[in-house]
Amino acid sequence: MTRKSRRLILISACGAVLALAVGLILSAMSGSIVFFRSPTEVAAQGVAPGTRFRLGGLVKDGSLQRGPDQTVEFAVTDTNATVQVAYRGLLPDLFREGQGIVAEGRLEPGGLFRADTVLAKHDESYMPREVADALKAQGRWQEGKGMVEKPVGTKPADSSTAITEKTLGQRSER
């Protein structure tokens, strides 16, 4: 066997091992990728029980029920469909009815979404992109309505270095 053929075999073997490693990594990662779904998508697509995903929407007014041992049940809606959510743990400080949230967990056979993580909007202008897109598609969200751009920087004369902050409607008191 010549030196050239040994190198070619070695390079081919390394390439095959590398391809196998990349394939195994991608296969392992595909199980941990979580996509965002609105309640309407969950109802329309018939998500299989046990499927892990992110559910996003607004906490339905009047649906929040607190139980013992930090258990909480509430409904997430996008104004077309509603999904019941059960969560055990501390909720974010900004969690309240009528606010946008994203919950991560699994759908149970009865249609109950068992969340293990709940994320609430972090400030007055936050709305998850997917939730905003779902509300826009339904005609319930207007992009420019109430949107104000105001400079926050310390040098108002130099607009190129001013930091802008987009606020949605009036600021809510914290």
N, C-alpha and C. Protein backbone atom coordinates (compact mmCIF):
# COMPACT_ATOMS: atom_id res chain seq x y z
N MET A 1 0.85 -1.16 0.00
CA MET A 1 0.00 0.00 0.00
C MET A 1 0.91 1.24 0.00
N THR A 2 0.58 2.17 -0.85
CA THR A 2 1.41 3.37 -0.97
C THR A 2 1.05 4.40 0.09
N ARG A 3 1.95 5.32 0.26
CA ARG A 3 1.75 6.37 1.26
C ARG A 3 0.50 7.22 0.91
N LYS A 4 0.30 7.48 -0.37
CA LYS A 4 -0.84 8.28 -0.81
C LYS A 4 -2.16 7.58 -0.51
N SER A 5 -2.23 6.28 -0.75
CA SER A 5 -3.47 5.54 -0.49
C SER A 5 -3.76 5.45 1.02
N ARG A 6 -2.71 5.33 1.86
CA ARG A 6 -2.92 5.32 3.32
C ARG A 6 -3.49 6.65 3.80
N ARG A 7 -2.95 7.75 3.26
CA ARG A 7 -3.48 9.07 3.63
C ARG A 7 -4.94 9.21 3.21
N LEU A 8 -5.24 8.75 2.03
CA LEU A 8 -6.61 8.83 1.52
C LEU A 8 -7.56 8.01 2.40
N ILE A 9 -7.14 6.83 2.81
CA ILE A 9 -7.97 5.99 3.69
C ILE A 9 -8.14 6.66 5.05
N LEU A 10 -7.07 7.24 5.59
CA LEU A 10 -7.13 7.93 6.87
C LEU A 10 -8.06 9.15 6.81
N ILE A 11 -7.94 9.93 5.76
CA ILE A 11 -8.80 11.10 5.60
C ILE A 11 -10.26 10.67 5.42
N SER A 12 -10.50 9.63 4.67
CA SER A 12 -11.87 9.12 4.47
C SER A 12 -12.46 8.62 5.79
N ALA A 13 -11.66 7.90 6.57
CA ALA A 13 -12.13 7.39 7.86
C ALA A 13 -12.44 8.54 8.81
N CYS A 14 -11.57 9.56 8.85
CA CYS A 14 -11.82 10.73 9.70
C CYS A 14 -13.08 11.46 9.26
N GLY A 15 -13.28 11.59 7.96
CA GLY A 15 -14.48 12.23 7.43
C GLY A 15 -15.74 11.47 7.81
N ALA A 16 -15.68 10.14 7.74
CA ALA A 16 -16.83 9.31 8.10
C ALA A 16 -17.15 9.44 9.60
N VAL A 17 -16.11 9.43 10.44
CA VAL A 17 -16.31 9.59 11.89
C VAL A 17 -16.88 10.97 12.18
N LEU A 18 -16.37 12.00 11.52
CA LEU A 18 -16.87 13.36 11.71
C LEU A 18 -18.34 13.47 11.28
N ALA A 19 -18.68 12.89 10.14
CA ALA A 19 -20.06 12.90 9.66
C ALA A 19 -20.99 12.17 10.64
N LEU A 20 -20.53 11.05 11.18
CA LEU A 20 -21.32 10.31 12.15
C LEU A 20 -21.52 11.14 13.42
N ALA A 21 -20.47 11.81 13.89
CA ALA A 21 -20.57 12.64 15.09
C ALA A 21 -21.55 13.80 14.87
N VAL A 22 -21.46 14.46 13.73
CA VAL A 22 -22.38 15.56 13.42
C VAL A 22 -23.81 15.04 13.35
N GLY A 23 -24.01 13.90 12.74
CA GLY A 23 -25.34 13.30 12.67
C GLY A 23 -25.90 12.99 14.04
N LEU A 24 -25.08 12.42 14.92
CA LEU A 24 -25.54 12.12 16.29
C LEU A 24 -25.87 13.39 17.07
N ILE A 25 -25.05 14.43 16.90
CA ILE A 25 -25.31 15.69 17.60
C ILE A 25 -26.61 16.31 17.11
N LEU A 26 -26.82 16.36 15.81
CA LEU A 26 -28.07 16.92 15.27
C LEU A 26 -29.28 16.10 15.69
N SER A 27 -29.12 14.80 15.74
CA SER A 27 -30.22 13.94 16.18
C SER A 27 -30.57 14.20 17.65
N ALA A 28 -29.56 14.39 18.48
CA ALA A 28 -29.80 14.66 19.90
C ALA A 28 -30.42 16.04 20.09
N MET A 29 -30.00 17.01 19.30
CA MET A 29 -30.54 18.37 19.42
C MET A 29 -31.97 18.48 18.93
N SER A 30 -32.36 17.66 17.99
CA SER A 30 -33.72 17.77 17.44
C SER A 30 -34.77 17.48 18.50
N GLY A 31 -34.45 16.68 19.49
CA GLY A 31 -35.38 16.40 20.57
C GLY A 31 -35.51 17.53 21.57
N SER A 32 -34.53 18.43 21.59
CA SER A 32 -34.57 19.52 22.55
C SER A 32 -35.02 20.83 21.95
N ILE A 33 -35.23 20.90 20.66
CA ILE A 33 -35.71 22.11 20.01
C ILE A 33 -37.19 22.26 20.33
N VAL A 34 -37.54 23.43 20.82
CA VAL A 34 -38.91 23.67 21.22
C VAL A 34 -39.46 24.82 20.38
N PHE A 35 -40.59 24.60 19.70
CA PHE A 35 -41.20 25.61 18.87
C PHE A 35 -42.36 26.27 19.61
N PHE A 36 -42.62 27.52 19.28
CA PHE A 36 -43.71 28.28 19.87
C PHE A 36 -45.00 27.98 19.11
N ARG A 37 -46.07 27.77 19.85
CA ARG A 37 -47.37 27.54 19.23
C ARG A 37 -48.42 28.36 19.96
N SER A 38 -49.36 28.91 19.22
CA SER A 38 -50.47 29.63 19.82
C SER A 38 -51.58 28.62 20.14
N PRO A 39 -52.54 28.97 20.99
CA PRO A 39 -53.64 28.05 21.27
C PRO A 39 -54.42 27.64 20.02
N THR A 40 -54.56 28.55 19.06
CA THR A 40 -55.26 28.20 17.82
C THR A 40 -54.49 27.13 17.05
N GLU A 41 -53.16 27.24 17.00
CA GLU A 41 -52.34 26.24 16.32
C GLU A 41 -52.42 24.89 17.03
N VAL A 42 -52.45 24.92 18.36
CA VAL A 42 -52.55 23.68 19.12
C VAL A 42 -53.86 22.97 18.79
N ALA A 43 -54.95 23.74 18.73
CA ALA A 43 -56.26 23.15 18.42
C ALA A 43 -56.35 22.68 16.97
N ALA A 44 -55.83 23.48 16.04
CA ALA A 44 -55.93 23.16 14.61
C ALA A 44 -55.02 22.02 14.20
N GLN A 45 -53.82 21.96 14.76
CA GLN A 45 -52.86 20.94 14.36
C GLN A 45 -53.02 19.62 15.10
N GLY A 46 -53.84 19.62 16.14
CA GLY A 46 -54.02 18.39 16.90
C GLY A 46 -52.70 17.87 17.45
N VAL A 47 -52.04 18.66 18.25
CA VAL A 47 -50.74 18.29 18.82
C VAL A 47 -50.89 17.01 19.64
N ALA A 48 -50.01 16.06 19.42
CA ALA A 48 -50.07 14.78 20.11
C ALA A 48 -49.74 14.93 21.59
N PRO A 49 -50.47 14.24 22.46
CA PRO A 49 -50.14 14.28 23.90
C PRO A 49 -48.71 13.82 24.14
N GLY A 50 -48.05 14.49 25.09
CA GLY A 50 -46.66 14.17 25.41
C GLY A 50 -45.66 14.98 24.62
N THR A 51 -46.13 15.74 23.63
CA THR A 51 -45.25 16.57 22.82
C THR A 51 -44.79 17.77 23.63
N ARG A 52 -43.50 18.03 23.60
CA ARG A 52 -42.94 19.18 24.32
C ARG A 52 -42.88 20.37 23.36
N PHE A 53 -43.40 21.50 23.80
CA PHE A 53 -43.37 22.72 22.99
C PHE A 53 -43.62 23.93 23.87
N ARG A 54 -43.54 25.10 23.26
CA ARG A 54 -43.83 26.35 23.95
C ARG A 54 -45.21 26.82 23.52
N LEU A 55 -45.96 27.25 24.50
CA LEU A 55 -47.31 27.77 24.27
C LEU A 55 -47.29 29.24 24.62
N GLY A 56 -47.77 30.08 23.73
CA GLY A 56 -47.76 31.51 23.99
C GLY A 56 -49.10 32.14 23.73
N GLY A 57 -49.38 33.17 24.47
CA GLY A 57 -50.62 33.91 24.31
C GLY A 57 -50.84 34.82 25.50
N LEU A 58 -52.08 35.20 25.70
CA LEU A 58 -52.46 36.06 26.80
C LEU A 58 -53.13 35.24 27.89
N VAL A 59 -52.87 35.58 29.15
CA VAL A 59 -53.54 34.90 30.26
C VAL A 59 -54.98 35.40 30.26
N LYS A 60 -55.90 34.48 30.13
CA LYS A 60 -57.32 34.83 30.05
C LYS A 60 -57.80 35.44 31.37
N ASP A 61 -58.51 36.55 31.28
CA ASP A 61 -59.05 37.21 32.47
C ASP A 61 -60.01 36.28 33.21
N GLY A 62 -59.87 36.22 34.51
CA GLY A 62 -60.74 35.41 35.35
C GLY A 62 -60.41 33.93 35.40
N SER A 63 -59.31 33.53 34.77
CA SER A 63 -58.99 32.10 34.72
C SER A 63 -57.96 31.66 35.75
N LEU A 64 -57.32 32.59 36.43
CA LEU A 64 -56.24 32.26 37.36
C LEU A 64 -56.79 31.66 38.65
N GLN A 65 -56.34 30.44 38.96
CA GLN A 65 -56.75 29.75 40.19
C GLN A 65 -55.50 29.23 40.88
N ARG A 66 -55.31 29.65 42.11
CA ARG A 66 -54.15 29.20 42.88
C ARG A 66 -54.57 28.06 43.79
N GLY A 67 -53.71 27.04 43.88
CA GLY A 67 -53.97 25.89 44.72
C GLY A 67 -52.90 25.74 45.78
N PRO A 68 -52.93 24.63 46.50
CA PRO A 68 -51.90 24.40 47.53
C PRO A 68 -50.56 24.06 46.89
N ASP A 69 -49.50 24.22 47.67
CA ASP A 69 -48.14 23.86 47.24
C ASP A 69 -47.71 24.54 45.95
N GLN A 70 -48.01 25.81 45.81
CA GLN A 70 -47.61 26.63 44.66
C GLN A 70 -48.16 26.12 43.34
N THR A 71 -49.28 25.43 43.35
CA THR A 71 -49.89 25.01 42.09
C THR A 71 -50.79 26.13 41.59
N VAL A 72 -50.74 26.34 40.30
CA VAL A 72 -51.52 27.39 39.66
C VAL A 72 -52.13 26.83 38.39
N GLU A 73 -53.38 27.18 38.15
CA GLU A 73 -54.03 26.83 36.89
C GLU A 73 -54.56 28.11 36.28
N PHE A 74 -54.40 28.23 34.97
CA PHE A 74 -54.90 29.40 34.25
C PHE A 74 -55.10 29.00 32.79
N ALA A 75 -55.74 29.87 32.05
CA ALA A 75 -55.98 29.61 30.63
C ALA A 75 -55.17 30.59 29.80
N VAL A 76 -54.61 30.09 28.71
CA VAL A 76 -53.87 30.93 27.77
C VAL A 76 -54.72 31.01 26.51
N THR A 77 -54.92 32.24 26.03
CA THR A 77 -55.77 32.44 24.86
C THR A 77 -55.09 33.34 23.85
N ASP A 78 -55.51 33.21 22.60
CA ASP A 78 -55.11 34.15 21.56
C ASP A 78 -56.37 34.78 20.97
N THR A 79 -57.43 34.77 21.74
CA THR A 79 -58.77 35.29 21.44
C THR A 79 -59.59 34.39 20.53
N ASN A 80 -58.99 33.40 19.89
CA ASN A 80 -59.73 32.43 19.08
C ASN A 80 -59.88 31.10 19.81
N ALA A 81 -58.83 30.65 20.43
CA ALA A 81 -58.83 29.37 21.13
C ALA A 81 -58.20 29.57 22.50
N THR A 82 -58.48 28.61 23.39
CA THR A 82 -57.97 28.68 24.75
C THR A 82 -57.41 27.32 25.14
N VAL A 83 -56.29 27.33 25.86
CA VAL A 83 -55.68 26.10 26.37
C VAL A 83 -55.50 26.25 27.88
N GLN A 84 -55.98 25.28 28.63
CA GLN A 84 -55.79 25.27 30.09
C GLN A 84 -54.36 24.88 30.40
N VAL A 85 -53.77 25.59 31.36
CA VAL A 85 -52.37 25.36 31.74
C VAL A 85 -52.31 25.09 33.23
N ALA A 86 -51.54 24.08 33.62
CA ALA A 86 -51.27 23.79 35.03
C ALA A 86 -49.78 23.98 35.24
N TYR A 87 -49.43 24.66 36.33
CA TYR A 87 -48.03 24.95 36.62
C TYR A 87 -47.82 24.83 38.11
N ARG A 88 -46.67 24.29 38.49
CA ARG A 88 -46.31 24.21 39.90
C ARG A 88 -44.97 24.90 40.08
N GLY A 89 -44.98 25.95 40.87
CA GLY A 89 -43.77 26.71 41.12
C GLY A 89 -44.10 28.18 41.29
N LEU A 90 -43.07 28.97 41.42
CA LEU A 90 -43.25 30.41 41.57
C LEU A 90 -43.44 31.05 40.21
N LEU A 91 -44.44 31.88 40.10
CA LEU A 91 -44.69 32.61 38.87
C LEU A 91 -43.82 33.86 38.83
N PRO A 92 -43.50 34.33 37.65
CA PRO A 92 -42.73 35.58 37.55
C PRO A 92 -43.50 36.74 38.19
N ASP A 93 -42.78 37.73 38.67
CA ASP A 93 -43.42 38.88 39.32
C ASP A 93 -44.39 39.60 38.40
N LEU A 94 -44.12 39.65 37.12
CA LEU A 94 -44.97 40.37 36.18
C LEU A 94 -46.13 39.54 35.64
N PHE A 95 -46.30 38.33 36.13
CA PHE A 95 -47.39 37.47 35.68
C PHE A 95 -48.71 38.00 36.22
N ARG A 96 -49.68 38.20 35.36
CA ARG A 96 -51.03 38.58 35.77
C ARG A 96 -51.98 38.36 34.60
N GLU A 97 -53.25 38.40 34.90
CA GLU A 97 -54.26 38.18 33.88
C GLU A 97 -54.21 39.29 32.84
N GLY A 98 -54.44 38.90 31.60
CA GLY A 98 -54.43 39.86 30.50
C GLY A 98 -53.05 40.15 29.94
N GLN A 99 -52.01 39.56 30.50
CA GLN A 99 -50.64 39.81 30.05
C GLN A 99 -50.15 38.67 29.15
N GLY A 100 -49.18 38.99 28.30
CA GLY A 100 -48.59 37.99 27.42
C GLY A 100 -47.62 37.11 28.17
N ILE A 101 -47.69 35.81 27.91
CA ILE A 101 -46.77 34.85 28.53
C ILE A 101 -46.35 33.80 27.50
N VAL A 102 -45.29 33.11 27.82
CA VAL A 102 -44.86 31.93 27.08
C VAL A 102 -44.61 30.86 28.12
N ALA A 103 -45.26 29.71 27.96
CA ALA A 103 -45.09 28.60 28.89
C ALA A 103 -44.48 27.43 28.13
N GLU A 104 -43.54 26.76 28.76
CA GLU A 104 -42.88 25.62 28.14
C GLU A 104 -43.25 24.36 28.91
N GLY A 105 -43.65 23.32 28.20
CA GLY A 105 -44.03 22.08 28.86
C GLY A 105 -44.56 21.06 27.88
N ARG A 106 -45.46 20.20 28.40
CA ARG A 106 -46.02 19.10 27.60
C ARG A 106 -47.53 19.11 27.65
N LEU A 107 -48.14 18.66 26.56
CA LEU A 107 -49.58 18.53 26.48
C LEU A 107 -49.98 17.16 26.99
N GLU A 108 -50.95 17.13 27.90
CA GLU A 108 -51.42 15.86 28.45
C GLU A 108 -52.60 15.35 27.63
N PRO A 109 -52.95 14.07 27.78
CA PRO A 109 -54.02 13.48 26.97
C PRO A 109 -55.36 14.22 27.05
N GLY A 110 -55.71 14.81 28.18
CA GLY A 110 -57.00 15.50 28.31
C GLY A 110 -57.01 16.89 27.73
N GLY A 111 -55.89 17.34 27.15
CA GLY A 111 -55.82 18.68 26.59
C GLY A 111 -55.23 19.70 27.54
N LEU A 112 -54.87 19.27 28.75
CA LEU A 112 -54.25 20.16 29.73
C LEU A 112 -52.77 20.30 29.40
N PHE A 113 -52.28 21.53 29.40
CA PHE A 113 -50.87 21.78 29.14
C PHE A 113 -50.17 21.87 30.49
N ARG A 114 -49.27 20.94 30.77
CA ARG A 114 -48.52 20.92 32.03
C ARG A 114 -47.21 21.66 31.81
N ALA A 115 -47.12 22.87 32.33
CA ALA A 115 -45.95 23.73 32.12
C ALA A 115 -44.91 23.47 33.19
N ASP A 116 -43.64 23.51 32.79
CA ASP A 116 -42.56 23.44 33.77
C ASP A 116 -41.79 24.76 33.82
N THR A 117 -42.07 25.67 32.87
CA THR A 117 -41.48 27.00 32.86
C THR A 117 -42.52 27.99 32.38
N VAL A 118 -42.64 29.12 33.07
CA VAL A 118 -43.54 30.19 32.65
C VAL A 118 -42.73 31.48 32.57
N LEU A 119 -42.78 32.12 31.42
CA LEU A 119 -42.09 33.39 31.20
C LEU A 119 -43.14 34.47 30.97
N ALA A 120 -43.04 35.56 31.71
CA ALA A 120 -43.98 36.67 31.56
C ALA A 120 -43.29 37.80 30.82
N LYS A 121 -44.09 38.72 30.32
CA LYS A 121 -43.50 39.86 29.62
C LYS A 121 -42.60 40.62 30.58
N HIS A 122 -41.47 41.10 30.08
CA HIS A 122 -40.47 41.70 30.96
C HIS A 122 -40.60 43.20 31.13
N ASP A 123 -41.28 43.89 30.26
CA ASP A 123 -41.52 45.31 30.45
C ASP A 123 -42.79 45.71 29.71
N GLU A 124 -43.09 46.99 29.72
CA GLU A 124 -44.36 47.43 29.16
C GLU A 124 -44.43 47.33 27.65
N SER A 125 -43.33 47.15 26.96
CA SER A 125 -43.37 47.09 25.51
C SER A 125 -43.12 45.69 24.96
N TYR A 126 -42.98 44.69 25.80
CA TYR A 126 -42.64 43.34 25.33
C TYR A 126 -43.88 42.58 24.92
N MET A 127 -43.81 41.96 23.78
CA MET A 127 -44.82 41.03 23.32
C MET A 127 -44.07 40.02 22.48
N PRO A 128 -44.15 38.72 22.81
CA PRO A 128 -43.43 37.74 22.00
C PRO A 128 -43.82 37.90 20.53
N ARG A 129 -42.83 37.80 19.65
CA ARG A 129 -43.07 38.02 18.23
C ARG A 129 -44.18 37.11 17.70
N GLU A 130 -44.17 35.85 18.11
CA GLU A 130 -45.18 34.92 17.62
C GLU A 130 -46.58 35.29 18.10
N VAL A 131 -46.69 35.77 19.34
CA VAL A 131 -47.98 36.20 19.87
C VAL A 131 -48.47 37.42 19.10
N ALA A 132 -47.57 38.39 18.88
CA ALA A 132 -47.93 39.58 18.13
C ALA A 132 -48.35 39.22 16.71
N ASP A 133 -47.64 38.29 16.07
CA ASP A 133 -47.99 37.86 14.72
C ASP A 133 -49.36 37.18 14.70
N ALA A 134 -49.63 36.34 15.71
CA ALA A 134 -50.93 35.67 15.78
C ALA A 134 -52.05 36.69 15.97
N LEU A 135 -51.82 37.70 16.83
CA LEU A 135 -52.83 38.73 17.05
C LEU A 135 -52.99 39.61 15.81
N LYS A 136 -51.91 39.87 15.08
CA LYS A 136 -51.99 40.65 13.85
C LYS A 136 -52.81 39.91 12.81
N ALA A 137 -52.59 38.59 12.71
CA ALA A 137 -53.32 37.78 11.74
C ALA A 137 -54.82 37.79 12.01
N GLN A 138 -55.19 37.97 13.27
CA GLN A 138 -56.61 38.01 13.65
C GLN A 138 -57.18 39.41 13.60
N GLY A 139 -56.32 40.40 13.32
CA GLY A 139 -56.77 41.78 13.26
C GLY A 139 -56.95 42.42 14.63
N ARG A 140 -56.36 41.84 15.66
CA ARG A 140 -56.51 42.35 17.02
C ARG A 140 -55.29 43.14 17.49
N TRP A 141 -54.30 43.31 16.64
CA TRP A 141 -53.07 44.00 17.01
C TRP A 141 -52.76 45.01 15.92
N GLN A 142 -52.53 46.24 16.33
CA GLN A 142 -52.17 47.28 15.37
C GLN A 142 -50.77 47.76 15.71
N GLU A 143 -49.87 47.60 14.76
CA GLU A 143 -48.45 47.85 14.99
C GLU A 143 -48.16 49.27 15.46
N GLY A 144 -48.71 50.25 14.79
CA GLY A 144 -48.36 51.63 15.11
C GLY A 144 -49.21 52.26 16.19
N LYS A 145 -50.27 51.62 16.59
CA LYS A 145 -51.19 52.23 17.55
C LYS A 145 -50.53 52.39 18.91
N GLY A 146 -50.42 53.63 19.35
CA GLY A 146 -49.86 53.90 20.67
C GLY A 146 -48.36 53.75 20.74
N MET A 147 -47.69 53.45 19.65
CA MET A 147 -46.25 53.25 19.70
C MET A 147 -45.57 54.61 19.64
N VAL A 148 -44.75 54.88 20.62
CA VAL A 148 -44.05 56.15 20.73
C VAL A 148 -42.56 55.86 20.77
N GLU A 149 -41.79 56.63 20.05
CA GLU A 149 -40.36 56.48 20.09
C GLU A 149 -39.80 57.70 20.79
N LYS A 150 -39.15 57.51 21.93
CA LYS A 150 -38.64 58.66 22.67
C LYS A 150 -37.16 58.47 22.96
N PRO A 151 -36.38 59.55 22.86
CA PRO A 151 -34.95 59.43 23.16
C PRO A 151 -34.74 59.29 24.66
N VAL A 152 -33.80 58.43 25.03
CA VAL A 152 -33.50 58.19 26.43
C VAL A 152 -32.06 58.59 26.73
N GLY A 153 -31.27 58.85 25.70
CA GLY A 153 -29.85 59.14 25.88
C GLY A 153 -29.60 60.43 26.66
N THR A 154 -28.39 60.60 27.12
CA THR A 154 -28.04 61.77 27.91
C THR A 154 -27.67 62.96 27.04
N LYS A 155 -27.49 62.74 25.73
CA LYS A 155 -27.12 63.83 24.83
C LYS A 155 -28.25 64.05 23.82
N PRO A 156 -29.30 64.79 24.18
CA PRO A 156 -30.41 64.95 23.26
C PRO A 156 -30.03 65.69 21.98
N ALA A 157 -28.99 66.52 22.00
CA ALA A 157 -28.60 67.26 20.81
C ALA A 157 -28.01 66.34 19.75
N ASP A 158 -27.38 65.27 20.16
CA ASP A 158 -26.75 64.35 19.22
C ASP A 158 -27.65 63.14 19.07
N SER A 159 -28.53 63.18 18.08
CA SER A 159 -29.51 62.11 17.93
C SER A 159 -28.89 60.80 17.46
N SER A 160 -27.66 60.85 16.91
CA SER A 160 -27.04 59.62 16.44
C SER A 160 -26.61 58.73 17.59
N THR A 161 -26.36 59.33 18.78
CA THR A 161 -25.94 58.51 19.90
C THR A 161 -27.06 58.29 20.90
N ALA A 162 -28.23 58.89 20.66
CA ALA A 162 -29.33 58.72 21.59
C ALA A 162 -29.89 57.31 21.49
N ILE A 163 -30.19 56.76 22.62
CA ILE A 163 -30.80 55.44 22.67
C ILE A 163 -32.30 55.65 22.61
N THR A 164 -33.00 54.88 21.81
CA THR A 164 -34.45 55.04 21.74
C THR A 164 -35.13 53.90 22.44
N GLU A 165 -36.28 54.20 22.97
CA GLU A 165 -37.07 53.18 23.66
C GLU A 165 -38.47 53.23 23.10
N LYS A 166 -38.96 52.11 22.64
CA LYS A 166 -40.32 52.05 22.13
C LYS A 166 -41.24 51.65 23.26
N THR A 167 -42.26 52.45 23.46
CA THR A 167 -43.24 52.11 24.49
C THR A 167 -44.57 51.89 23.82
N LEU A 168 -45.37 51.09 24.38
CA LEU A 168 -46.66 50.73 23.83
C LEU A 168 -47.72 51.34 24.71
N GLY A 169 -48.38 52.35 24.21
CA GLY A 169 -49.44 52.98 25.00
C GLY A 169 -48.85 53.69 26.20
N GLN A 170 -49.62 53.79 27.25
CA GLN A 170 -49.16 54.45 28.46
C GLN A 170 -48.34 53.48 29.28
N ARG A 171 -47.41 54.03 30.04
CA ARG A 171 -46.59 53.19 30.93
C ARG A 171 -47.44 52.71 32.08
N SER A 172 -47.30 51.46 32.40
CA SER A 172 -48.03 50.94 33.55
C SER A 172 -47.21 51.14 34.80
N GLU A 173 -47.88 51.40 35.88
CA GLU A 173 -47.18 51.59 37.15
C GLU A 173 -46.69 50.25 37.66
N ARG A 174 -45.51 50.26 38.21
CA ARG A 174 -44.93 49.01 38.73
C ARG A 174 -45.13 48.90 40.19
